[in-house]
Amino acid sequence: MFENCRLARMSDGHYCIVRDLGPVKGGKGMKHHEVIIDFNRRGMVTLLKRLLTRPQRAELARLHDLQETSR
């Protein structure tokens, strides 16, 4: 998940972990990037939501499989 990632300071002053995707066409050295984790209030809330819903989805899938096999 964190391969080829780095900590970057964005233009508005907050920090992110970004993954470089390659050069911008005609961008004079600029690169496209994907934000992995955003270290501001909204980004941390989104990260926590993702982390909390992942186990619930896995648990629901496991319960569904158990119900299917018990029939």
Protein backbone atom coordinates (compact mmCIF):
# COMPACT_ATOMS: atom_id res chain seq x y z
CA MET A 1 0.00 0.00 0.00
CA PHE A 2 2.81 2.42 0.79
CA GLU A 3 5.25 1.49 -1.98
CA ASN A 4 6.70 4.51 -3.79
CA CYS A 5 4.97 6.90 -1.35
CA ARG A 6 6.32 10.00 0.32
CA LEU A 7 5.25 12.69 2.74
CA ALA A 8 4.41 15.91 0.91
CA ARG A 9 3.36 19.40 1.99
CA MET A 10 0.49 20.60 -0.16
CA SER A 11 0.11 24.18 -1.40
CA ASP A 12 -2.45 25.04 1.31
CA GLY A 13 -0.04 23.92 4.06
CA HIS A 14 -1.39 20.54 5.12
CA TYR A 15 0.52 17.29 4.79
CA CYS A 16 -0.32 14.15 2.83
CA ILE A 17 1.23 10.84 1.95
CA VAL A 18 1.23 10.76 -1.85
CA ARG A 19 2.22 8.28 -4.52
CA ASP A 20 3.78 9.71 -7.67
CA LEU A 21 2.06 8.47 -10.84
CA GLY A 22 4.36 9.94 -13.46
CA PRO A 23 5.15 13.16 -15.27
CA VAL A 24 2.51 15.63 -16.41
CA LYS A 25 2.46 15.94 -20.19
CA GLY A 26 4.14 19.26 -20.97
CA GLY A 27 4.32 20.04 -17.25
CA LYS A 28 8.00 21.04 -17.08
CA GLY A 29 8.95 18.55 -14.37
CA MET A 30 5.60 18.40 -12.57
CA LYS A 31 4.19 14.98 -11.62
CA HIS A 32 0.71 13.53 -11.24
CA HIS A 33 0.11 12.20 -7.74
CA GLU A 34 -2.49 10.19 -5.83
CA VAL A 35 -3.25 11.16 -2.22
CA ILE A 36 -3.09 8.06 -0.02
CA ILE A 37 -3.60 9.65 3.43
CA ASP A 38 -4.58 13.26 4.02
CA PHE A 39 -3.41 14.65 7.37
CA ASN A 40 -6.16 17.18 8.01
CA ARG A 41 -9.41 16.81 9.93
CA ARG A 42 -11.48 15.67 6.95
CA GLY A 43 -8.80 13.25 5.75
CA MET A 44 -8.38 11.65 9.16
CA VAL A 45 -12.16 11.18 9.51
CA THR A 46 -12.27 9.52 6.10
CA LEU A 47 -9.36 7.24 7.03
CA LEU A 48 -11.03 6.22 10.30
CA LYS A 49 -14.31 5.49 8.49
CA ARG A 50 -12.49 3.26 6.01
CA LEU A 51 -10.69 1.41 8.81
CA LEU A 52 -13.87 0.91 10.83
CA THR A 53 -16.06 -0.25 7.94
CA ARG A 54 -13.56 -2.75 6.57
CA PRO A 55 -13.87 -5.21 9.51
CA GLN A 56 -17.67 -4.89 9.45
CA ARG A 57 -17.80 -5.80 5.76
CA ALA A 58 -15.52 -8.78 6.35
CA GLU A 59 -17.67 -9.91 9.29
CA LEU A 60 -20.87 -9.59 7.25
CA ALA A 61 -19.34 -11.62 4.42
CA ARG A 62 -18.21 -14.30 6.89
CA LEU A 63 -21.70 -14.51 8.43
CA HIS A 64 -23.26 -14.73 4.98
CA ASP A 65 -20.93 -17.61 4.07
CA LEU A 66 -21.83 -19.41 7.30
CA GLN A 67 -25.54 -19.06 6.58
CA GLU A 68 -25.10 -20.39 3.05
CA THR A 69 -23.14 -23.45 4.20
CA SER A 70 -25.63 -24.28 6.99
CA ARG A 71 -28.56 -24.59 4.54
